[in-house]
Amino acid sequence: MTTDRPLAGPDATAQPYQPTPSEVPGKDLLPLGLLDPWRWLRRGASDLLAAKAIGLFYGLCFWLMAAVLGAVFRNLPEYTLSIASGCLLVGPFLALGLYEVSRRRESGLRPSLALSLTCWDRHLGSMGLLVLVLIVLELLWGRASLVVFAVFFNTGMPSTTGVLQAVFNPENWEFLLVYGLVGGTFAALVYGVSVVAIPMILDRDTDAISASITSLQVVFENPLVMLCWGLLITGLIAVALLPWGLGLVLVGPWLGHASWHAYRGTVRWHHPASQPGLPNQR
């Protein structure tokens, strides 16, 4: 058996190596319950009521995006994917403004429309990389959808009316099954990568890769709760689109604020010297 012995010779008086304590905040992923998504919605509604004018501004922006996308789909369907990519580029920046409003309220600060419109400029690099990843996923999603259409409609791509008839025709159940599986896979991937990544970038100025990995960890550690949260988001948006998408004026900012609280309810930060559960956690 060997034992540690003091150094002999000229190095005997040297100070033992002590690594410098890390100053990087640590994070804990919190366990979630099925009632948590409803709490996030309630807190999001509180933020929306506290900053009605700001919420109305962002709600009108979301509605305008949906209106433009719908008009392009009806009249120039070949440009729908391009416009959708543009919305995917603008949407996260709009959501970032809503997160800033919720963040300021949580910090005891007064919400400001001007500050919410410019909060992204301090995180442009991380946000740009994350948006680029989302656009690539969206383009792959669109290409995969075209392949599915090409396989099942060998007479050529259907028109806008033909697409709607194909989607809502129960006789095309094989097409609907494959199209749903492909779309669901990409939708789940986009959701998993971004569900808490964007508010995390705003809150901690985290790089896009770390934020996306944390987002995926949240989903994998709480699959049932995050599935319920995703279904709630999808259901509320679907209802908001009828009639003419006017519901997005309310639902858009509401979900934006609630998404901030979803991030705050799933990820908790603490200083390296503290232990999980101590009062100085954030």
C-alpha atoms as a PDB file:
ATOM      1  CA  MET A   1       0.000   0.000   0.000  1.00  0.00           C
ATOM      2  CA  THR A   2       1.292   3.439  -0.928  1.00  0.00           C
ATOM      3  CA  THR A   3       0.738   6.636   1.020  1.00  0.00           C
ATOM      4  CA  ASP A   4       1.069  10.260   0.034  1.00  0.00           C
ATOM      5  CA  ARG A   5       4.362  11.692   1.339  1.00  0.00           C
ATOM      6  CA  PRO A   6       5.588  15.290   1.466  1.00  0.00           C
ATOM      7  CA  LEU A   7       7.939  16.255  -1.304  1.00  0.00           C
ATOM      8  CA  ALA A   8      11.625  16.235  -0.412  1.00  0.00           C
ATOM      9  CA  GLY A   9      14.218  18.537  -1.905  1.00  0.00           C
ATOM     10  CA  PRO A  10      13.841  22.018  -3.372  1.00  0.00           C
ATOM     11  CA  ASP A  11      10.096  21.629  -4.082  1.00  0.00           C
ATOM     12  CA  ALA A  12       9.293  20.771  -0.475  1.00  0.00           C
ATOM     13  CA  THR A  13       8.368  24.354   0.351  1.00  0.00           C
ATOM     14  CA  ALA A  14       6.137  24.799  -2.725  1.00  0.00           C
ATOM     15  CA  GLN A  15       2.474  25.488  -2.075  1.00  0.00           C
ATOM     16  CA  PRO A  16       0.170  22.603  -2.988  1.00  0.00           C
ATOM     17  CA  TYR A  17      -1.890  23.115  -6.148  1.00  0.00           C
ATOM     18  CA  GLN A  18      -5.368  24.467  -5.492  1.00  0.00           C
ATOM     19  CA  PRO A  19      -7.599  24.932  -8.547  1.00  0.00           C
ATOM     20  CA  THR A  20      -9.229  28.345  -8.807  1.00  0.00           C
ATOM     21  CA  PRO A  21     -12.928  28.113  -7.903  1.00  0.00           C
ATOM     22  CA  SER A  22     -15.197  28.455 -10.890  1.00  0.00           C
ATOM     23  CA  GLU A  23     -17.195  31.666 -11.164  1.00  0.00           C
ATOM     24  CA  VAL A  24     -19.533  30.281 -13.822  1.00  0.00           C
ATOM     25  CA  PRO A  25     -23.097  29.942 -12.479  1.00  0.00           C
ATOM     26  CA  GLY A  26     -24.407  26.402 -12.325  1.00  0.00           C
ATOM     27  CA  LYS A  27     -27.864  25.328 -13.376  1.00  0.00           C
ATOM     28  CA  ASP A  28     -30.345  22.809 -12.071  1.00  0.00           C
ATOM     29  CA  LEU A  29     -33.197  21.333 -14.066  1.00  0.00           C
ATOM     30  CA  LEU A  30     -36.268  21.327 -11.866  1.00  0.00           C
ATOM     31  CA  PRO A  31     -38.732  18.438 -11.703  1.00  0.00           C
ATOM     32  CA  LEU A  32     -42.101  19.336 -13.198  1.00  0.00           C
ATOM     33  CA  GLY A  33     -45.703  18.357 -12.580  1.00  0.00           C
ATOM     34  CA  LEU A  34     -48.683  18.271 -14.918  1.00  0.00           C
ATOM     35  CA  LEU A  35     -50.117  21.422 -13.315  1.00  0.00           C
ATOM     36  CA  ASP A  36     -47.038  23.505 -14.087  1.00  0.00           C
ATOM     37  CA  PRO A  37     -48.081  24.448 -17.663  1.00  0.00           C
ATOM     38  CA  TRP A  38     -51.283  25.912 -16.284  1.00  0.00           C
ATOM     39  CA  ARG A  39     -49.278  27.935 -13.774  1.00  0.00           C
ATOM     40  CA  TRP A  40     -47.133  29.280 -16.607  1.00  0.00           C
ATOM     41  CA  LEU A  41     -50.259  30.337 -18.487  1.00  0.00           C
ATOM     42  CA  ARG A  42     -51.640  32.042 -15.387  1.00  0.00           C
ATOM     43  CA  ARG A  43     -48.445  33.975 -14.799  1.00  0.00           C
ATOM     44  CA  GLY A  44     -48.281  34.861 -18.492  1.00  0.00           C
ATOM     45  CA  ALA A  45     -51.807  36.262 -18.285  1.00  0.00           C
ATOM     46  CA  SER A  46     -50.753  38.354 -15.295  1.00  0.00           C
ATOM     47  CA  ASP A  47     -47.871  39.844 -17.298  1.00  0.00           C
ATOM     48  CA  LEU A  48     -50.169  40.529 -20.246  1.00  0.00           C
ATOM     49  CA  LEU A  49     -52.706  42.352 -18.071  1.00  0.00           C
ATOM     50  CA  ALA A  50     -49.929  44.373 -16.433  1.00  0.00           C
ATOM     51  CA  ALA A  51     -48.585  45.586 -19.794  1.00  0.00           C
ATOM     52  CA  LYS A  52     -51.656  45.684 -22.043  1.00  0.00           C
ATOM     53  CA  ALA A  53     -50.355  48.253 -24.528  1.00  0.00           C
ATOM     54  CA  ILE A  54     -47.100  46.383 -25.074  1.00  0.00           C
ATOM     55  CA  GLY A  55     -48.996  43.119 -25.444  1.00  0.00           C
ATOM     56  CA  LEU A  56     -51.336  44.697 -28.008  1.00  0.00           C
ATOM     57  CA  PHE A  57     -48.376  45.893 -30.082  1.00  0.00           C
ATOM     58  CA  TYR A  58     -46.795  42.444 -30.193  1.00  0.00           C
ATOM     59  CA  GLY A  59     -50.167  40.764 -30.720  1.00  0.00           C
ATOM     60  CA  LEU A  60     -50.788  42.900 -33.809  1.00  0.00           C
ATOM     61  CA  CYS A  61     -47.325  41.958 -35.092  1.00  0.00           C
ATOM     62  CA  PHE A  62     -48.107  38.251 -34.705  1.00  0.00           C
ATOM     63  CA  TRP A  63     -51.470  38.706 -36.414  1.00  0.00           C
ATOM     64  CA  LEU A  64     -49.873  40.586 -39.300  1.00  0.00           C
ATOM     65  CA  MET A  65     -47.350  37.780 -39.809  1.00  0.00           C
ATOM     66  CA  ALA A  66     -50.144  35.193 -39.890  1.00  0.00           C
ATOM     67  CA  ALA A  67     -52.228  37.329 -42.267  1.00  0.00           C
ATOM     68  CA  VAL A  68     -49.330  37.728 -44.712  1.00  0.00           C
ATOM     69  CA  LEU A  69     -48.539  34.009 -44.561  1.00  0.00           C
ATOM     70  CA  GLY A  70     -52.187  33.107 -45.187  1.00  0.00           C
ATOM     71  CA  ALA A  71     -52.494  35.522 -48.109  1.00  0.00           C
ATOM     72  CA  VAL A  72     -49.340  34.143 -49.734  1.00  0.00           C
ATOM     73  CA  PHE A  73     -50.540  30.547 -49.277  1.00  0.00           C
ATOM     74  CA  ARG A  74     -53.865  31.357 -50.965  1.00  0.00           C
ATOM     75  CA  ASN A  75     -52.461  33.334 -53.884  1.00  0.00           C
ATOM     76  CA  LEU A  76     -48.810  32.333 -54.390  1.00  0.00           C
ATOM     77  CA  PRO A  77     -48.341  28.954 -52.662  1.00  0.00           C
ATOM     78  CA  GLU A  78     -44.898  28.479 -54.226  1.00  0.00           C
ATOM     79  CA  TYR A  79     -43.612  31.347 -52.033  1.00  0.00           C
ATOM     80  CA  THR A  80     -45.172  30.087 -48.817  1.00  0.00           C
ATOM     81  CA  LEU A  81     -41.993  28.357 -47.636  1.00  0.00           C
ATOM     82  CA  SER A  82     -39.924  31.503 -48.187  1.00  0.00           C
ATOM     83  CA  ILE A  83     -42.380  33.671 -46.257  1.00  0.00           C
ATOM     84  CA  ALA A  84     -42.545  31.058 -43.494  1.00  0.00           C
ATOM     85  CA  SER A  85     -38.752  31.211 -43.217  1.00  0.00           C
ATOM     86  CA  GLY A  86     -38.990  34.978 -42.867  1.00  0.00           C
ATOM     87  CA  CYS A  87     -41.590  34.605 -40.115  1.00  0.00           C
ATOM     88  CA  LEU A  88     -39.331  32.098 -38.403  1.00  0.00           C
ATOM     89  CA  LEU A  89     -36.592  34.723 -38.504  1.00  0.00           C
ATOM     90  CA  VAL A  90     -38.758  37.556 -37.137  1.00  0.00           C
ATOM     91  CA  GLY A  91     -40.816  35.536 -34.659  1.00  0.00           C
ATOM     92  CA  PRO A  92     -38.063  34.778 -32.115  1.00  0.00           C
ATOM     93  CA  PHE A  93     -37.096  38.460 -31.966  1.00  0.00           C
ATOM     94  CA  LEU A  94     -40.723  39.401 -31.246  1.00  0.00           C
ATOM     95  CA  ALA A  95     -40.892  36.720 -28.565  1.00  0.00           C
ATOM     96  CA  LEU A  96     -37.644  38.032 -27.097  1.00  0.00           C
ATOM     97  CA  GLY A  97     -39.328  41.394 -26.516  1.00  0.00           C
ATOM     98  CA  LEU A  98     -42.118  39.707 -24.568  1.00  0.00           C
ATOM     99  CA  TYR A  99     -39.589  37.766 -22.498  1.00  0.00           C
ATOM    100  CA  GLU A 100     -37.906  41.078 -21.674  1.00  0.00           C
ATOM    101  CA  VAL A 101     -41.209  42.488 -20.393  1.00  0.00           C
ATOM    102  CA  SER A 102     -41.725  39.451 -18.149  1.00  0.00           C
ATOM    103  CA  ARG A 103     -38.107  39.538 -17.010  1.00  0.00           C
ATOM    104  CA  ARG A 104     -38.362  43.176 -16.001  1.00  0.00           C
ATOM    105  CA  ARG A 105     -41.595  42.579 -14.092  1.00  0.00           C
ATOM    106  CA  GLU A 106     -40.026  39.645 -12.260  1.00  0.00           C
ATOM    107  CA  SER A 107     -37.041  41.842 -11.376  1.00  0.00           C
ATOM    108  CA  GLY A 108     -39.293  44.585 -10.033  1.00  0.00           C
ATOM    109  CA  LEU A 109     -38.626  46.900 -12.977  1.00  0.00           C
ATOM    110  CA  ARG A 110     -41.129  48.783 -15.073  1.00  0.00           C
ATOM    111  CA  PRO A 111     -41.820  47.206 -18.498  1.00  0.00           C
ATOM    112  CA  SER A 112     -40.829  49.343 -21.464  1.00  0.00           C
ATOM    113  CA  LEU A 113     -41.782  48.891 -25.116  1.00  0.00           C
ATOM    114  CA  ALA A 114     -38.626  50.669 -26.267  1.00  0.00           C
ATOM    115  CA  LEU A 115     -36.360  48.400 -24.213  1.00  0.00           C
ATOM    116  CA  SER A 116     -38.263  45.305 -25.319  1.00  0.00           C
ATOM    117  CA  LEU A 117     -37.678  46.255 -28.962  1.00  0.00           C
ATOM    118  CA  THR A 118     -33.918  46.566 -28.481  1.00  0.00           C
ATOM    119  CA  CYS A 119     -33.181  43.854 -25.905  1.00  0.00           C
ATOM    120  CA  TRP A 120     -32.004  41.469 -28.624  1.00  0.00           C
ATOM    121  CA  ASP A 121     -29.038  43.640 -29.687  1.00  0.00           C
ATOM    122  CA  ARG A 122     -26.931  42.384 -26.762  1.00  0.00           C
ATOM    123  CA  HIS A 123     -27.497  38.772 -27.809  1.00  0.00           C
ATOM    124  CA  LEU A 124     -27.373  39.091 -31.584  1.00  0.00           C
ATOM    125  CA  GLY A 125     -24.671  36.457 -32.107  1.00  0.00           C
ATOM    126  CA  SER A 126     -26.369  33.724 -30.075  1.00  0.00           C
ATOM    127  CA  MET A 127     -29.818  34.597 -31.375  1.00  0.00           C
ATOM    128  CA  GLY A 128     -28.569  34.670 -34.953  1.00  0.00           C
ATOM    129  CA  LEU A 129     -27.034  31.202 -34.672  1.00  0.00           C
ATOM    130  CA  LEU A 130     -30.166  29.748 -33.058  1.00  0.00           C
ATOM    131  CA  VAL A 131     -32.424  31.297 -35.696  1.00  0.00           C
ATOM    132  CA  LEU A 132     -30.119  29.909 -38.395  1.00  0.00           C
ATOM    133  CA  VAL A 133     -30.511  26.423 -36.915  1.00  0.00           C
ATOM    134  CA  LEU A 134     -34.298  26.843 -36.841  1.00  0.00           C
ATOM    135  CA  ILE A 135     -34.365  28.018 -40.455  1.00  0.00           C
ATOM    136  CA  VAL A 136     -32.270  25.030 -41.562  1.00  0.00           C
ATOM    137  CA  LEU A 137     -34.670  22.686 -39.756  1.00  0.00           C
ATOM    138  CA  GLU A 138     -37.631  24.452 -41.334  1.00  0.00           C
ATOM    139  CA  LEU A 139     -36.107  24.152 -44.817  1.00  0.00           C
ATOM    140  CA  LEU A 140     -35.425  20.445 -44.251  1.00  0.00           C
ATOM    141  CA  TRP A 141     -38.989  20.088 -43.027  1.00  0.00           C
ATOM    142  CA  GLY A 142     -40.278  21.749 -46.210  1.00  0.00           C
ATOM    143  CA  ARG A 143     -38.086  19.555 -48.413  1.00  0.00           C
ATOM    144  CA  ALA A 144     -39.261  16.408 -46.636  1.00  0.00           C
ATOM    145  CA  SER A 145     -42.878  17.510 -47.096  1.00  0.00           C
ATOM    146  CA  LEU A 146     -42.282  17.992 -50.831  1.00  0.00           C
ATOM    147  CA  VAL A 147     -40.860  14.470 -51.043  1.00  0.00           C
ATOM    148  CA  VAL A 148     -43.961  13.065 -49.325  1.00  0.00           C
ATOM    149  CA  PHE A 149     -46.214  14.925 -51.773  1.00  0.00           C
ATOM    150  CA  ALA A 150     -44.131  13.734 -54.720  1.00  0.00           C
ATOM    151  CA  VAL A 151     -44.414  10.102 -53.607  1.00  0.00           C
ATOM    152  CA  PHE A 152     -48.189  10.149 -53.102  1.00  0.00           C
ATOM    153  CA  PHE A 153     -49.139  12.525 -55.940  1.00  0.00           C
ATOM    154  CA  ASN A 154     -47.212  11.194 -58.918  1.00  0.00           C
ATOM    155  CA  THR A 155     -49.318  13.283 -61.311  1.00  0.00           C
ATOM    156  CA  GLY A 156     -47.651  16.443 -60.071  1.00  0.00           C
ATOM    157  CA  MET A 157     -47.896  18.786 -57.138  1.00  0.00           C
ATOM    158  CA  PRO A 158     -51.537  19.647 -56.318  1.00  0.00           C
ATOM    159  CA  SER A 159     -52.751  23.216 -56.323  1.00  0.00           C
ATOM    160  CA  THR A 160     -53.595  25.106 -53.136  1.00  0.00           C
ATOM    161  CA  THR A 161     -57.139  23.714 -53.270  1.00  0.00           C
ATOM    162  CA  GLY A 162     -55.734  20.265 -53.987  1.00  0.00           C
ATOM    163  CA  VAL A 163     -53.448  20.462 -50.968  1.00  0.00           C
ATOM    164  CA  LEU A 164     -56.353  21.295 -48.684  1.00  0.00           C
ATOM    165  CA  GLN A 165     -58.463  18.501 -50.171  1.00  0.00           C
ATOM    166  CA  ALA A 166     -55.611  16.041 -49.754  1.00  0.00           C
ATOM    167  CA  VAL A 167     -54.973  17.017 -46.154  1.00  0.00           C
ATOM    168  CA  PHE A 168     -58.629  16.800 -45.114  1.00  0.00           C
ATOM    169  CA  ASN A 169     -59.602  13.780 -47.228  1.00  0.00           C
ATOM    170  CA  PRO A 170     -59.880  10.653 -45.013  1.00  0.00           C
ATOM    171  CA  GLU A 171     -59.419   8.429 -48.083  1.00  0.00           C
ATOM    172  CA  ASN A 172     -55.793   9.560 -48.231  1.00  0.00           C
ATOM    173  CA  TRP A 173     -55.047   8.004 -44.857  1.00  0.00           C
ATOM    174  CA  GLU A 174     -51.656   6.647 -45.924  1.00  0.00           C
ATOM    175  CA  PHE A 175     -50.573  10.101 -47.078  1.00  0.00           C
ATOM    176  CA  LEU A 176     -51.967  11.666 -43.909  1.00  0.00           C
ATOM    177  CA  LEU A 177     -50.112   9.137 -41.748  1.00  0.00           C
ATOM    178  CA  VAL A 178     -46.725   9.654 -43.433  1.00  0.00           C
ATOM    179  CA  TYR A 179     -47.174  13.411 -43.703  1.00  0.00           C
ATOM    180  CA  GLY A 180     -48.138  13.580 -40.031  1.00  0.00           C
ATOM    181  CA  LEU A 181     -45.145  11.478 -38.967  1.00  0.00           C
ATOM    182  CA  VAL A 182     -42.707  13.583 -40.967  1.00  0.00           C
ATOM    183  CA  GLY A 183     -44.224  16.864 -39.827  1.00  0.00           C
ATOM    184  CA  GLY A 184     -44.502  15.688 -36.232  1.00  0.00           C
ATOM    185  CA  THR A 185     -40.856  14.616 -36.148  1.00  0.00           C
ATOM    186  CA  PHE A 186     -39.597  17.984 -37.372  1.00  0.00           C
ATOM    187  CA  ALA A 187     -42.065  19.891 -35.194  1.00  0.00           C
ATOM    188  CA  ALA A 188     -40.886  17.955 -32.123  1.00  0.00           C
ATOM    189  CA  LEU A 189     -37.253  18.664 -33.013  1.00  0.00           C
ATOM    190  CA  VAL A 190     -37.864  22.406 -33.472  1.00  0.00           C
ATOM    191  CA  TYR A 191     -39.866  22.495 -30.252  1.00  0.00           C
ATOM    192  CA  GLY A 192     -37.241  20.574 -28.283  1.00  0.00           C
ATOM    193  CA  VAL A 193     -34.385  22.776 -29.475  1.00  0.00           C
ATOM    194  CA  SER A 194     -36.110  26.093 -28.787  1.00  0.00           C
ATOM    195  CA  VAL A 195     -38.647  25.647 -25.978  1.00  0.00           C
ATOM    196  CA  VAL A 196     -36.449  27.273 -23.308  1.00  0.00           C
ATOM    197  CA  ALA A 197     -33.429  28.262 -25.411  1.00  0.00           C
ATOM    198  CA  ILE A 198     -34.506  31.769 -26.436  1.00  0.00           C
ATOM    199  CA  PRO A 199     -35.475  33.031 -22.951  1.00  0.00           C
ATOM    200  CA  MET A 200     -32.304  31.427 -21.615  1.00  0.00           C
ATOM    201  CA  ILE A 201     -30.207  33.430 -24.089  1.00  0.00           C
ATOM    202  CA  LEU A 202     -31.933  36.622 -22.939  1.00  0.00           C
ATOM    203  CA  ASP A 203     -31.555  35.792 -19.253  1.00  0.00           C
ATOM    204  CA  ARG A 204     -27.982  34.474 -19.133  1.00  0.00           C
ATOM    205  CA  ASP A 205     -26.475  35.548 -22.481  1.00  0.00           C
ATOM    206  CA  THR A 206     -25.781  31.866 -23.115  1.00  0.00           C
ATOM    207  CA  ASP A 207     -24.421  30.664 -26.421  1.00  0.00           C
ATOM    208  CA  ALA A 208     -26.938  29.069 -28.776  1.00  0.00           C
ATOM    209  CA  ILE A 209     -25.495  25.546 -28.530  1.00  0.00           C
ATOM    210  CA  SER A 210     -25.591  25.423 -24.730  1.00  0.00           C
ATOM    211  CA  ALA A 211     -29.098  26.895 -24.697  1.00  0.00           C
ATOM    212  CA  SER A 212     -30.343  24.325 -27.235  1.00  0.00           C
ATOM    213  CA  ILE A 213     -28.758  21.436 -25.316  1.00  0.00           C
ATOM    214  CA  THR A 214     -30.374  22.635 -22.096  1.00  0.00           C
ATOM    215  CA  SER A 215     -33.700  22.902 -23.895  1.00  0.00           C
ATOM    216  CA  LEU A 216     -33.420  19.313 -25.111  1.00  0.00           C
ATOM    217  CA  GLN A 217     -32.450  18.167 -21.596  1.00  0.00           C
ATOM    218  CA  VAL A 218     -35.585  19.795 -20.200  1.00  0.00           C
ATOM    219  CA  VAL A 219     -37.721  17.948 -22.754  1.00  0.00           C
ATOM    220  CA  PHE A 220     -36.050  14.566 -22.206  1.00  0.00           C
ATOM    221  CA  GLU A 221     -36.214  14.806 -18.403  1.00  0.00           C
ATOM    222  CA  ASN A 222     -39.871  15.907 -18.365  1.00  0.00           C
ATOM    223  CA  PRO A 223     -41.340  14.393 -21.552  1.00  0.00           C
ATOM    224  CA  LEU A 224     -44.959  14.166 -20.409  1.00  0.00           C
ATOM    225  CA  VAL A 225     -45.143  17.693 -18.992  1.00  0.00           C
ATOM    226  CA  MET A 226     -43.388  19.219 -21.985  1.00  0.00           C
ATOM    227  CA  LEU A 227     -45.656  17.267 -24.322  1.00  0.00           C
ATOM    228  CA  CYS A 228     -48.653  18.752 -22.516  1.00  0.00           C
ATOM    229  CA  TRP A 229     -47.090  22.205 -22.786  1.00  0.00           C
ATOM    230  CA  GLY A 230     -46.540  21.745 -26.517  1.00  0.00           C
ATOM    231  CA  LEU A 231     -50.123  20.545 -27.008  1.00  0.00           C
ATOM    232  CA  LEU A 232     -51.428  23.539 -25.047  1.00  0.00           C
ATOM    233  CA  ILE A 233     -49.430  25.915 -27.250  1.00  0.00           C
ATOM    234  CA  THR A 234     -50.624  24.163 -30.423  1.00  0.00           C
ATOM    235  CA  GLY A 235     -54.247  24.105 -29.289  1.00  0.00           C
ATOM    236  CA  LEU A 236     -54.323  27.753 -28.274  1.00  0.00           C
ATOM    237  CA  ILE A 237     -52.728  28.838 -31.558  1.00  0.00           C
ATOM    238  CA  ALA A 238     -55.186  26.708 -33.546  1.00  0.00           C
ATOM    239  CA  VAL A 239     -58.122  28.329 -31.755  1.00  0.00           C
ATOM    240  CA  ALA A 240     -56.568  31.772 -32.178  1.00  0.00           C
ATOM    241  CA  LEU A 241     -56.412  31.329 -35.964  1.00  0.00           C
ATOM    242  CA  LEU A 242     -60.224  31.290 -36.167  1.00  0.00           C
ATOM    243  CA  PRO A 243     -61.640  33.545 -37.437  1.00  0.00           C
ATOM    244  CA  TRP A 244     -59.037  35.281 -39.634  1.00  0.00           C
ATOM    245  CA  GLY A 245     -56.307  34.810 -37.036  1.00  0.00           C
ATOM    246  CA  LEU A 246     -57.593  37.654 -34.864  1.00  0.00           C
ATOM    247  CA  GLY A 247     -57.147  35.561 -31.743  1.00  0.00           C
ATOM    248  CA  LEU A 248     -53.383  35.884 -32.176  1.00  0.00           C
ATOM    249  CA  VAL A 249     -53.652  39.482 -30.977  1.00  0.00           C
ATOM    250  CA  LEU A 250     -54.357  38.032 -27.528  1.00  0.00           C
ATOM    251  CA  VAL A 251     -52.918  34.519 -27.640  1.00  0.00           C
ATOM    252  CA  GLY A 252     -49.568  35.507 -29.209  1.00  0.00           C
ATOM    253  CA  PRO A 253     -48.332  37.769 -26.399  1.00  0.00           C
ATOM    254  CA  TRP A 254     -49.992  35.578 -23.771  1.00  0.00           C
ATOM    255  CA  LEU A 255     -47.976  32.550 -24.889  1.00  0.00           C
ATOM    256  CA  GLY A 256     -44.862  34.717 -25.165  1.00  0.00           C
ATOM    257  CA  HIS A 257     -45.098  35.743 -21.519  1.00  0.00           C
ATOM    258  CA  ALA A 258     -46.022  32.207 -20.462  1.00  0.00           C
ATOM    259  CA  SER A 259     -42.967  30.824 -22.277  1.00  0.00           C
ATOM    260  CA  TRP A 260     -40.726  33.000 -20.120  1.00  0.00           C
ATOM    261  CA  HIS A 261     -42.292  31.469 -17.025  1.00  0.00           C
ATOM    262  CA  ALA A 262     -41.891  28.002 -18.565  1.00  0.00           C
ATOM    263  CA  TYR A 263     -38.151  28.664 -18.763  1.00  0.00           C
ATOM    264  CA  ARG A 264     -38.037  30.065 -15.215  1.00  0.00           C
ATOM    265  CA  GLY A 265     -40.013  27.077 -13.961  1.00  0.00           C
ATOM    266  CA  THR A 266     -37.696  24.508 -15.525  1.00  0.00           C
ATOM    267  CA  VAL A 267     -34.175  25.961 -15.163  1.00  0.00           C
ATOM    268  CA  ARG A 268     -32.745  27.441 -11.973  1.00  0.00           C
ATOM    269  CA  TRP A 269     -29.344  29.065 -11.648  1.00  0.00           C
ATOM    270  CA  HIS A 270     -27.081  29.196  -8.597  1.00  0.00           C
ATOM    271  CA  HIS A 271     -23.631  30.512  -7.807  1.00  0.00           C
ATOM    272  CA  PRO A 272     -20.854  27.903  -7.659  1.00  0.00           C
ATOM    273  CA  ALA A 273     -20.343  28.459  -3.916  1.00  0.00           C
ATOM    274  CA  SER A 274     -24.000  27.783  -3.158  1.00  0.00           C
ATOM    275  CA  GLN A 275     -25.765  24.476  -3.021  1.00  0.00           C
ATOM    276  CA  PRO A 276     -29.091  23.675  -4.668  1.00  0.00           C
ATOM    277  CA  GLY A 277     -31.908  24.682  -2.398  1.00  0.00           C
ATOM    278  CA  LEU A 278     -30.189  27.600  -0.672  1.00  0.00           C
ATOM    279  CA  PRO A 279     -31.936  31.013  -0.610  1.00  0.00           C
ATOM    280  CA  ASN A 280     -29.378  32.752  -2.847  1.00  0.00           C
ATOM    281  CA  GLN A 281     -30.462  30.748  -5.865  1.00  0.00           C
ATOM    282  CA  ARG A 282     -32.092  32.561  -8.745  1.00  0.00           C
END
